Amino acid sequence: MAVDYEKKRHIVKLILNKPESLNAFSKDMLEELNAGFLRFREDEDAWVAIVTGSGRRAFSAGTDVKEIEKKFSQAKGDAFPLSLWDSFFHIDLQEGLEVYKPVIAAINGYCIGMGLTLAMACDLRIAGESAKFAFTEVAIGVPPVVGAIRSTQIMGLGNALEMLLMGEMKDAAWAYRTGLVNKVVPDTTLEAEANVWAERLCQVGPLATRCTKEITLRSQRMNFYDAVRMAEAMRRLVLSSEDTQEGLRASREKRPPIYKGK
């Protein structure tokens, strides 16, 4: 398997598992990753996901160059076999698969190109202190696409363009300073820290977190008044849930709530 799927209680781990190629993306890895995210999304008992890479050397070193060469070798003359609107592998989590449960990226080692785009598609990013970040596509004459779109929303225009246009490797301290990652920890505690964050997310209302994430993401593309109306409608749905009633009871009774995701 190119991607391992592990579940313990309400926490799912999606582990990129091609350490011999620094977890570089191939078609099978991307398809397995997306299948894993769909499985996570549809499992009502799964509340939080952690994405990481196997081995200590890399989260993901990006797209397998052999895959790129294979794609372009299929082209005849000026004709490219994909339509202008197709994604590179036809199916990309990074390019818009809607998953409104919280997702944490635990970034170990190299996080490059498509690997960095995957990390940016996650909601929270924790990096080991030796993690390295880069969009190196321009160095081989390939313009990054989704990474260019996502990076400005996370890091701001200036920081994003520095990374996108220069193609230089950045360290974890730079990533934290520019807002690319939420926290930097010693490499040896990365997995434990990601687990702590995931457990913390499991202690709050899972329906409330999903609703909050969806409101946050959708409202970025809406005017203020439409966003408020959408958010109020979504909140009313959550307020009618068993979880909200449990949360209110637990608050009155001064005890931790026991949520069921219903």
C-alpha atoms as a PDB file:
ATOM      1  CA  MET A   1       0.000   0.000   0.000  1.00  0.00           C
ATOM      2  CA  ALA A   2       1.215   3.482  -0.858  1.00  0.00           C
ATOM      3  CA  VAL A   3      -0.894   4.990   1.952  1.00  0.00           C
ATOM      4  CA  ASP A   4      -1.575   3.351   5.327  1.00  0.00           C
ATOM      5  CA  TYR A   5      -4.946   4.001   6.978  1.00  0.00           C
ATOM      6  CA  GLU A   6      -5.018   3.587  10.751  1.00  0.00           C
ATOM      7  CA  LYS A   7      -7.846   4.377  13.143  1.00  0.00           C
ATOM      8  CA  LYS A   8      -7.786   4.507  16.926  1.00  0.00           C
ATOM      9  CA  ARG A   9     -10.957   5.628  18.640  1.00  0.00           C
ATOM     10  CA  HIS A  10     -12.005   8.830  16.816  1.00  0.00           C
ATOM     11  CA  ILE A  11      -8.585   9.591  15.279  1.00  0.00           C
ATOM     12  CA  VAL A  12      -7.499   8.480  11.810  1.00  0.00           C
ATOM     13  CA  LYS A  13      -3.892   8.487  10.591  1.00  0.00           C
ATOM     14  CA  LEU A  14      -3.128   8.668   6.883  1.00  0.00           C
ATOM     15  CA  ILE A  15       0.526   7.763   6.400  1.00  0.00           C
ATOM     16  CA  LEU A  16       2.280   8.280   3.067  1.00  0.00           C
ATOM     17  CA  ASN A  17       4.239   5.059   2.791  1.00  0.00           C
ATOM     18  CA  LYS A  18       6.886   5.145   0.088  1.00  0.00           C
ATOM     19  CA  PRO A  19       9.956   6.013   2.163  1.00  0.00           C
ATOM     20  CA  GLU A  20      12.303   4.642  -0.520  1.00  0.00           C
ATOM     21  CA  SER A  21      11.213   7.525  -2.793  1.00  0.00           C
ATOM     22  CA  LEU A  22      10.847  10.064   0.049  1.00  0.00           C
ATOM     23  CA  ASN A  23       7.073   9.532  -0.169  1.00  0.00           C
ATOM     24  CA  ALA A  24       6.963  11.112  -3.624  1.00  0.00           C
ATOM     25  CA  PHE A  25       3.504  11.160  -5.185  1.00  0.00           C
ATOM     26  CA  SER A  26       2.605   8.668  -7.859  1.00  0.00           C
ATOM     27  CA  LYS A  27      -0.835   8.075  -9.302  1.00  0.00           C
ATOM     28  CA  ASP A  28      -1.484   5.122  -7.003  1.00  0.00           C
ATOM     29  CA  MET A  29      -0.433   7.073  -3.893  1.00  0.00           C
ATOM     30  CA  LEU A  30      -2.728   9.971  -4.736  1.00  0.00           C
ATOM     31  CA  GLU A  31      -5.659   7.689  -5.470  1.00  0.00           C
ATOM     32  CA  GLU A  32      -5.135   5.785  -2.208  1.00  0.00           C
ATOM     33  CA  LEU A  33      -4.818   9.043  -0.280  1.00  0.00           C
ATOM     34  CA  ASN A  34      -8.054  10.375  -1.700  1.00  0.00           C
ATOM     35  CA  ALA A  35      -9.789   7.066  -1.015  1.00  0.00           C
ATOM     36  CA  GLY A  36      -8.544   7.353   2.568  1.00  0.00           C
ATOM     37  CA  PHE A  37      -9.920  10.860   2.895  1.00  0.00           C
ATOM     38  CA  LEU A  38     -13.282   9.771   1.512  1.00  0.00           C
ATOM     39  CA  ARG A  39     -13.327   6.902   4.004  1.00  0.00           C
ATOM     40  CA  PHE A  40     -12.498   9.337   6.807  1.00  0.00           C
ATOM     41  CA  ARG A  41     -15.138  11.811   5.632  1.00  0.00           C
ATOM     42  CA  GLU A  42     -17.916   9.218   5.499  1.00  0.00           C
ATOM     43  CA  ASP A  43     -17.095   7.511   8.811  1.00  0.00           C
ATOM     44  CA  GLU A  44     -19.251   9.204  11.445  1.00  0.00           C
ATOM     45  CA  ASP A  45     -17.076   7.734  14.187  1.00  0.00           C
ATOM     46  CA  ALA A  46     -13.925   9.374  12.741  1.00  0.00           C
ATOM     47  CA  TRP A  47     -13.589  12.950  14.000  1.00  0.00           C
ATOM     48  CA  VAL A  48      -9.992  14.028  13.339  1.00  0.00           C
ATOM     49  CA  ALA A  49      -7.302  12.996  10.839  1.00  0.00           C
ATOM     50  CA  ILE A  50      -3.514  13.241  11.026  1.00  0.00           C
ATOM     51  CA  VAL A  51      -1.526  13.148   7.776  1.00  0.00           C
ATOM     52  CA  THR A  52       2.174  12.324   7.918  1.00  0.00           C
ATOM     53  CA  GLY A  53       4.966  10.587   6.020  1.00  0.00           C
ATOM     54  CA  SER A  54       6.637   7.291   6.889  1.00  0.00           C
ATOM     55  CA  GLY A  55      10.283   7.405   7.860  1.00  0.00           C
ATOM     56  CA  ARG A  56      12.177  10.384   9.248  1.00  0.00           C
ATOM     57  CA  ARG A  57      13.465  11.803   5.962  1.00  0.00           C
ATOM     58  CA  ALA A  58      10.326  13.197   4.337  1.00  0.00           C
ATOM     59  CA  PHE A  59       6.685  14.111   4.702  1.00  0.00           C
ATOM     60  CA  SER A  60       6.690  14.047   0.882  1.00  0.00           C
ATOM     61  CA  ALA A  61       9.301  15.127  -1.633  1.00  0.00           C
ATOM     62  CA  GLY A  62       6.607  16.091  -4.143  1.00  0.00           C
ATOM     63  CA  THR A  63       5.580  14.457  -7.395  1.00  0.00           C
ATOM     64  CA  ASP A  64       7.561  11.510  -8.713  1.00  0.00           C
ATOM     65  CA  VAL A  65       9.439  13.015 -11.689  1.00  0.00           C
ATOM     66  CA  LYS A  66       9.010   9.743 -13.619  1.00  0.00           C
ATOM     67  CA  GLU A  67       5.257  10.284 -13.451  1.00  0.00           C
ATOM     68  CA  ILE A  68       5.614  13.769 -14.941  1.00  0.00           C
ATOM     69  CA  GLU A  69       7.822  12.490 -17.749  1.00  0.00           C
ATOM     70  CA  LYS A  70       5.369   9.680 -18.444  1.00  0.00           C
ATOM     71  CA  LYS A  71       2.467  12.123 -18.726  1.00  0.00           C
ATOM     72  CA  PHE A  72       4.292  14.399 -21.127  1.00  0.00           C
ATOM     73  CA  SER A  73       5.560  11.500 -23.215  1.00  0.00           C
ATOM     74  CA  GLN A  74       1.930  10.641 -23.947  1.00  0.00           C
ATOM     75  CA  ALA A  75       1.419  13.997 -25.643  1.00  0.00           C
ATOM     76  CA  LYS A  76       1.532  14.064 -29.465  1.00  0.00           C
ATOM     77  CA  GLY A  77       2.902  17.249 -30.979  1.00  0.00           C
ATOM     78  CA  ASP A  78       1.163  20.191 -29.360  1.00  0.00           C
ATOM     79  CA  ALA A  79      -1.804  18.092 -28.216  1.00  0.00           C
ATOM     80  CA  PHE A  80      -1.917  17.209 -24.549  1.00  0.00           C
ATOM     81  CA  PRO A  81      -4.209  14.300 -23.620  1.00  0.00           C
ATOM     82  CA  LEU A  82      -5.888  16.146 -20.744  1.00  0.00           C
ATOM     83  CA  SER A  83      -8.426  18.905 -21.046  1.00  0.00           C
ATOM     84  CA  LEU A  84      -7.321  22.308 -19.759  1.00  0.00           C
ATOM     85  CA  TRP A  85      -9.428  21.839 -16.657  1.00  0.00           C
ATOM     86  CA  ASP A  86      -8.261  18.371 -15.586  1.00  0.00           C
ATOM     87  CA  SER A  87      -6.018  17.976 -12.589  1.00  0.00           C
ATOM     88  CA  PHE A  88      -2.681  16.248 -13.183  1.00  0.00           C
ATOM     89  CA  PHE A  89      -3.784  12.846 -11.898  1.00  0.00           C
ATOM     90  CA  HIS A  90      -7.494  13.473 -12.533  1.00  0.00           C
ATOM     91  CA  ILE A  91      -8.286  13.272  -8.812  1.00  0.00           C
ATOM     92  CA  ASP A  92      -6.662  15.501  -6.196  1.00  0.00           C
ATOM     93  CA  LEU A  93      -7.463  16.022  -2.547  1.00  0.00           C
ATOM     94  CA  GLN A  94      -5.393  19.171  -2.774  1.00  0.00           C
ATOM     95  CA  GLU A  95      -7.593  20.539  -5.540  1.00  0.00           C
ATOM     96  CA  GLY A  96     -10.843  20.740  -3.651  1.00  0.00           C
ATOM     97  CA  LEU A  97     -12.128  17.493  -2.144  1.00  0.00           C
ATOM     98  CA  GLU A  98     -14.457  18.792   0.577  1.00  0.00           C
ATOM     99  CA  VAL A  99     -13.595  17.371   3.999  1.00  0.00           C
ATOM    100  CA  TYR A 100     -14.940  19.521   6.821  1.00  0.00           C
ATOM    101  CA  LYS A 101     -13.607  17.437   9.690  1.00  0.00           C
ATOM    102  CA  PRO A 102     -10.353  18.838  11.121  1.00  0.00           C
ATOM    103  CA  VAL A 103      -7.133  17.571   9.543  1.00  0.00           C
ATOM    104  CA  ILE A 104      -3.641  17.934  11.037  1.00  0.00           C
ATOM    105  CA  ALA A 105      -0.418  17.681   9.024  1.00  0.00           C
ATOM    106  CA  ALA A 106       2.512  16.305  11.041  1.00  0.00           C
ATOM    107  CA  ILE A 107       5.458  17.354   8.875  1.00  0.00           C
ATOM    108  CA  ASN A 108       8.674  15.376   9.142  1.00  0.00           C
ATOM    109  CA  GLY A 109      11.671  16.095   6.926  1.00  0.00           C
ATOM    110  CA  TYR A 110      11.253  17.290   3.343  1.00  0.00           C
ATOM    111  CA  CYS A 111       7.907  18.841   2.448  1.00  0.00           C
ATOM    112  CA  ILE A 112       8.229  19.815  -1.197  1.00  0.00           C
ATOM    113  CA  GLY A 113       5.972  20.601  -4.148  1.00  0.00           C
ATOM    114  CA  MET A 114       2.840  18.496  -4.065  1.00  0.00           C
ATOM    115  CA  GLY A 115       3.792  17.392  -0.560  1.00  0.00           C
ATOM    116  CA  LEU A 116       3.714  21.019   0.564  1.00  0.00           C
ATOM    117  CA  THR A 117       0.427  21.533  -1.261  1.00  0.00           C
ATOM    118  CA  LEU A 118      -1.017  18.593   0.673  1.00  0.00           C
ATOM    119  CA  ALA A 119       0.184  20.109   3.950  1.00  0.00           C
ATOM    120  CA  MET A 120      -1.447  23.403   2.958  1.00  0.00           C
ATOM    121  CA  ALA A 121      -4.714  21.565   2.261  1.00  0.00           C
ATOM    122  CA  CYS A 122      -4.735  20.483   5.925  1.00  0.00           C
ATOM    123  CA  ASP A 123      -6.154  22.771   8.604  1.00  0.00           C
ATOM    124  CA  LEU A 124      -3.345  22.698  11.157  1.00  0.00           C
ATOM    125  CA  ARG A 125       0.350  22.102  10.519  1.00  0.00           C
ATOM    126  CA  ILE A 126       2.926  20.944  13.069  1.00  0.00           C
ATOM    127  CA  ALA A 127       6.538  20.661  11.905  1.00  0.00           C
ATOM    128  CA  GLY A 128       9.535  18.869  13.284  1.00  0.00           C
ATOM    129  CA  GLU A 129      12.475  21.218  13.780  1.00  0.00           C
ATOM    130  CA  SER A 130      14.422  19.665  10.883  1.00  0.00           C
ATOM    131  CA  ALA A 131      11.538  19.974   8.397  1.00  0.00           C
ATOM    132  CA  LYS A 132      12.340  21.640   5.057  1.00  0.00           C
ATOM    133  CA  PHE A 133       9.839  23.369   2.775  1.00  0.00           C
ATOM    134  CA  ALA A 134       9.984  24.332  -0.892  1.00  0.00           C
ATOM    135  CA  PHE A 135       8.140  24.753  -4.142  1.00  0.00           C
ATOM    136  CA  THR A 136      10.870  23.703  -6.563  1.00  0.00           C
ATOM    137  CA  GLU A 137       8.706  23.416  -9.675  1.00  0.00           C
ATOM    138  CA  VAL A 138      10.059  26.547 -11.335  1.00  0.00           C
ATOM    139  CA  ALA A 139      13.567  25.056 -11.254  1.00  0.00           C
ATOM    140  CA  ILE A 140      12.465  22.366 -13.717  1.00  0.00           C
ATOM    141  CA  GLY A 141      10.330  24.749 -15.777  1.00  0.00           C
ATOM    142  CA  VAL A 142       6.960  23.740 -14.323  1.00  0.00           C
ATOM    143  CA  PRO A 143       4.638  26.370 -12.814  1.00  0.00           C
ATOM    144  CA  PRO A 144       2.978  25.308  -9.532  1.00  0.00           C
ATOM    145  CA  VAL A 145      -0.792  25.630  -9.588  1.00  0.00           C
ATOM    146  CA  VAL A 146      -2.702  24.705  -6.433  1.00  0.00           C
ATOM    147  CA  GLY A 147       0.279  25.548  -4.232  1.00  0.00           C
ATOM    148  CA  ALA A 148       0.301  29.035  -5.715  1.00  0.00           C
ATOM    149  CA  ILE A 149      -3.396  29.433  -4.966  1.00  0.00           C
ATOM    150  CA  ARG A 150      -3.326  28.062  -1.428  1.00  0.00           C
ATOM    151  CA  SER A 151      -0.065  29.648  -0.268  1.00  0.00           C
ATOM    152  CA  THR A 152      -1.240  33.250  -0.519  1.00  0.00           C
ATOM    153  CA  GLN A 153      -4.240  32.460   1.692  1.00  0.00           C
ATOM    154  CA  ILE A 154      -1.981  31.010   4.377  1.00  0.00           C
ATOM    155  CA  MET A 155       1.221  33.068   4.214  1.00  0.00           C
ATOM    156  CA  GLY A 156       0.298  36.339   2.532  1.00  0.00           C
ATOM    157  CA  LEU A 157       1.351  37.468  -0.928  1.00  0.00           C
ATOM    158  CA  GLY A 158       4.956  38.465  -0.234  1.00  0.00           C
ATOM    159  CA  ASN A 159       5.963  35.317   1.637  1.00  0.00           C
ATOM    160  CA  ALA A 160       4.138  33.105  -0.852  1.00  0.00           C
ATOM    161  CA  LEU A 161       5.849  34.685  -3.856  1.00  0.00           C
ATOM    162  CA  GLU A 162       9.251  34.405  -2.194  1.00  0.00           C
ATOM    163  CA  MET A 163       8.751  30.670  -1.884  1.00  0.00           C
ATOM    164  CA  LEU A 164       7.025  30.145  -5.239  1.00  0.00           C
ATOM    165  CA  LEU A 165       9.331  32.204  -7.449  1.00  0.00           C
ATOM    166  CA  MET A 166      12.717  31.633  -5.825  1.00  0.00           C
ATOM    167  CA  GLY A 167      12.325  27.867  -5.513  1.00  0.00           C
ATOM    168  CA  GLU A 168      14.596  27.842  -2.456  1.00  0.00           C
ATOM    169  CA  MET A 169      14.451  25.491   0.512  1.00  0.00           C
ATOM    170  CA  LYS A 170      13.070  27.062   3.696  1.00  0.00           C
ATOM    171  CA  ASP A 171      13.559  25.788   7.224  1.00  0.00           C
ATOM    172  CA  ALA A 172      10.992  25.228   9.977  1.00  0.00           C
ATOM    173  CA  ALA A 173      11.812  28.523  11.715  1.00  0.00           C
ATOM    174  CA  TRP A 174      11.000  30.450   8.512  1.00  0.00           C
ATOM    175  CA  ALA A 175       7.822  28.417   8.079  1.00  0.00           C
ATOM    176  CA  TYR A 176       6.686  29.307  11.589  1.00  0.00           C
ATOM    177  CA  ARG A 177       7.610  32.967  11.234  1.00  0.00           C
ATOM    178  CA  THR A 178       5.598  33.313   8.011  1.00  0.00           C
ATOM    179  CA  GLY A 179       2.552  31.423   9.296  1.00  0.00           C
ATOM    180  CA  LEU A 180       3.064  28.386   7.094  1.00  0.00           C
ATOM    181  CA  VAL A 181       3.060  26.126  10.170  1.00  0.00           C
ATOM    182  CA  ASN A 182       1.292  26.546  13.508  1.00  0.00           C
ATOM    183  CA  LYS A 183       4.018  25.056  15.675  1.00  0.00           C
ATOM    184  CA  VAL A 184       7.567  23.671  15.531  1.00  0.00           C
ATOM    185  CA  VAL A 185       8.596  20.878  17.887  1.00  0.00           C
ATOM    186  CA  PRO A 186      11.627  18.596  18.290  1.00  0.00           C
ATOM    187  CA  ASP A 187      11.600  15.841  15.672  1.00  0.00           C
ATOM    188  CA  THR A 188      11.369  13.189  18.376  1.00  0.00           C
ATOM    189  CA  THR A 189       8.116  14.622  19.760  1.00  0.00           C
ATOM    190  CA  LEU A 190       6.338  15.366  16.460  1.00  0.00           C
ATOM    191  CA  GLU A 191       4.073  12.314  16.501  1.00  0.00           C
ATOM    192  CA  ALA A 192       3.220  12.790  20.176  1.00  0.00           C
ATOM    193  CA  GLU A 193       2.406  16.471  19.653  1.00  0.00           C
ATOM    194  CA  ALA A 194       0.126  15.703  16.705  1.00  0.00           C
ATOM    195  CA  ASN A 195      -1.651  13.127  18.858  1.00  0.00           C
ATOM    196  CA  VAL A 196      -2.108  15.696  21.653  1.00  0.00           C
ATOM    197  CA  TRP A 197      -3.710  18.140  19.217  1.00  0.00           C
ATOM    198  CA  ALA A 198      -5.944  15.419  17.790  1.00  0.00           C
ATOM    199  CA  GLU A 199      -7.056  14.321  21.256  1.00  0.00           C
ATOM    200  CA  ARG A 200      -7.827  17.933  22.139  1.00  0.00           C
ATOM    201  CA  LEU A 201     -10.005  18.227  19.038  1.00  0.00           C
ATOM    202  CA  CYS A 202     -11.848  15.083  20.111  1.00  0.00           C
ATOM    203  CA  GLN A 203     -12.780  16.727  23.414  1.00  0.00           C
ATOM    204  CA  VAL A 204     -14.848  19.454  21.757  1.00  0.00           C
ATOM    205  CA  GLY A 205     -18.102  18.961  19.890  1.00  0.00           C
ATOM    206  CA  PRO A 206     -17.364  17.177  16.573  1.00  0.00           C
ATOM    207  CA  LEU A 207     -20.433  18.607  14.863  1.00  0.00           C
ATOM    208  CA  ALA A 208     -19.545  22.087  16.078  1.00  0.00           C
ATOM    209  CA  THR A 209     -15.982  21.799  14.759  1.00  0.00           C
ATOM    210  CA  ARG A 210     -17.189  20.598  11.335  1.00  0.00           C
ATOM    211  CA  CYS A 211     -19.697  23.419  11.154  1.00  0.00           C
ATOM    212  CA  THR A 212     -17.075  25.963  12.227  1.00  0.00           C
ATOM    213  CA  LYS A 213     -14.581  24.744   9.627  1.00  0.00           C
ATOM    214  CA  GLU A 214     -17.167  24.819   6.836  1.00  0.00           C
ATOM    215  CA  ILE A 215     -18.340  28.319   7.795  1.00  0.00           C
ATOM    216  CA  THR A 216     -14.741  29.537   7.920  1.00  0.00           C
ATOM    217  CA  LEU A 217     -13.829  28.154   4.502  1.00  0.00           C
ATOM    218  CA  ARG A 218     -17.040  28.944   2.628  1.00  0.00           C
ATOM    219  CA  SER A 219     -17.358  32.468   4.000  1.00  0.00           C
ATOM    220  CA  GLN A 220     -14.046  33.476   2.410  1.00  0.00           C
ATOM    221  CA  ARG A 221     -15.795  33.413  -0.955  1.00  0.00           C
ATOM    222  CA  MET A 222     -18.951  35.258   0.153  1.00  0.00           C
ATOM    223  CA  ASN A 223     -19.910  38.788   1.068  1.00  0.00           C
ATOM    224  CA  PHE A 224     -20.396  39.442   4.769  1.00  0.00           C
ATOM    225  CA  TYR A 225     -24.214  39.433   4.828  1.00  0.00           C
ATOM    226  CA  ASP A 226     -24.590  36.231   2.812  1.00  0.00           C
ATOM    227  CA  ALA A 227     -21.920  34.585   4.966  1.00  0.00           C
ATOM    228  CA  VAL A 228     -23.782  35.475   8.185  1.00  0.00           C
ATOM    229  CA  ARG A 229     -27.070  34.089   6.832  1.00  0.00           C
ATOM    230  CA  MET A 230     -25.375  30.851   5.756  1.00  0.00           C
ATOM    231  CA  ALA A 231     -23.573  30.517   9.106  1.00  0.00           C
ATOM    232  CA  GLU A 232     -26.739  31.126  11.132  1.00  0.00           C
ATOM    233  CA  ALA A 233     -28.604  28.475   9.131  1.00  0.00           C
ATOM    234  CA  MET A 234     -25.805  25.969   9.682  1.00  0.00           C
ATOM    235  CA  ARG A 235     -25.597  26.785  13.385  1.00  0.00           C
ATOM    236  CA  ARG A 236     -29.323  26.150  13.834  1.00  0.00           C
ATOM    237  CA  LEU A 237     -28.857  22.655  12.434  1.00  0.00           C
ATOM    238  CA  VAL A 238     -26.097  21.952  14.954  1.00  0.00           C
ATOM    239  CA  LEU A 239     -28.141  23.438  17.820  1.00  0.00           C
ATOM    240  CA  SER A 240     -30.801  20.784  17.228  1.00  0.00           C
ATOM    241  CA  SER A 241     -28.278  17.948  17.695  1.00  0.00           C
ATOM    242  CA  GLU A 242     -27.877  15.617  20.658  1.00  0.00           C
ATOM    243  CA  ASP A 243     -24.306  16.847  21.055  1.00  0.00           C
ATOM    244  CA  THR A 244     -25.373  20.433  21.675  1.00  0.00           C
ATOM    245  CA  GLN A 245     -27.851  19.316  24.321  1.00  0.00           C
ATOM    246  CA  GLU A 246     -25.129  17.228  25.944  1.00  0.00           C
ATOM    247  CA  GLY A 247     -22.720  20.167  25.860  1.00  0.00           C
ATOM    248  CA  LEU A 248     -25.249  22.431  27.561  1.00  0.00           C
ATOM    249  CA  ARG A 249     -26.055  19.798  30.217  1.00  0.00           C
ATOM    250  CA  ALA A 250     -22.383  19.187  30.906  1.00  0.00           C
ATOM    251  CA  SER A 251     -21.800  22.914  31.326  1.00  0.00           C
ATOM    252  CA  ARG A 252     -24.639  23.183  33.831  1.00  0.00           C
ATOM    253  CA  GLU A 253     -23.455  20.105  35.696  1.00  0.00           C
ATOM    254  CA  LYS A 254     -19.835  21.246  35.626  1.00  0.00           C
ATOM    255  CA  ARG A 255     -18.510  18.033  34.055  1.00  0.00           C
ATOM    256  CA  PRO A 256     -16.757  17.110  30.781  1.00  0.00           C
ATOM    257  CA  PRO A 257     -19.240  16.482  27.962  1.00  0.00           C
ATOM    258  CA  ILE A 258     -19.558  13.050  26.368  1.00  0.00           C
ATOM    259  CA  TYR A 259     -20.057  13.705  22.664  1.00  0.00           C
ATOM    260  CA  LYS A 260     -21.306  11.116  20.174  1.00  0.00           C
ATOM    261  CA  GLY A 261     -21.190  13.077  16.917  1.00  0.00           C
ATOM    262  CA  LYS A 262     -24.989  13.048  16.636  1.00  0.00           C
END
